[in-house]
Amino acid sequence: MLSILFALLAGLVFGLGLILSGMGNPAKVQNFLDFFGTWDPSLALVMVGAIAVGLVAFAWARRRKTALLGEPMQLPTATKIDTRLLLGAAMFGIGWGIAGFCPGPALMNLLTFHKEVTIFVISMIVGMLLQHTWARK
């Protein structure tokens, strides 16, 4: 029960961060990528802040064997930069630039009931299922 409450709290903090940073607005993302038009560099500050928090959190987590609630610490072990990683990152970035959403803001925007958001989330889920099917082969 405690882990569910902390998961809820973490989700609320993440969602609040998305709202405050403007990441839930696809135009914010698309304007960040529009260097020759309505370029808005403020998203870079959000990214730098997220990287700083992530560096501190991962440095702290690497020194621990368990999470705060006693679960085993599960950190990524892969360090290899290969074609598969680069191709996936490129596809993620292209999709992010076209739609203006990445998974977190897209899920947050589901409550707006806009058909574009619903289509994005359905497409994202289908893509994830296809990737899992492909990875099992």
Foldseek 3Di string as FASTA:
>chain_A
DVVVVVVVVVLVVVVVLCVVQVLLPLVLQLLCVCPPPNHDVSVVVVVVVVVVVVVVVVVVLVVDQADPVRHGRDDDDDDDDDPVNVVVVVVQVVLCNVLSHHVSSLVVCVVVVDVSSVVSVVVVVVVVVVVVVVVVD
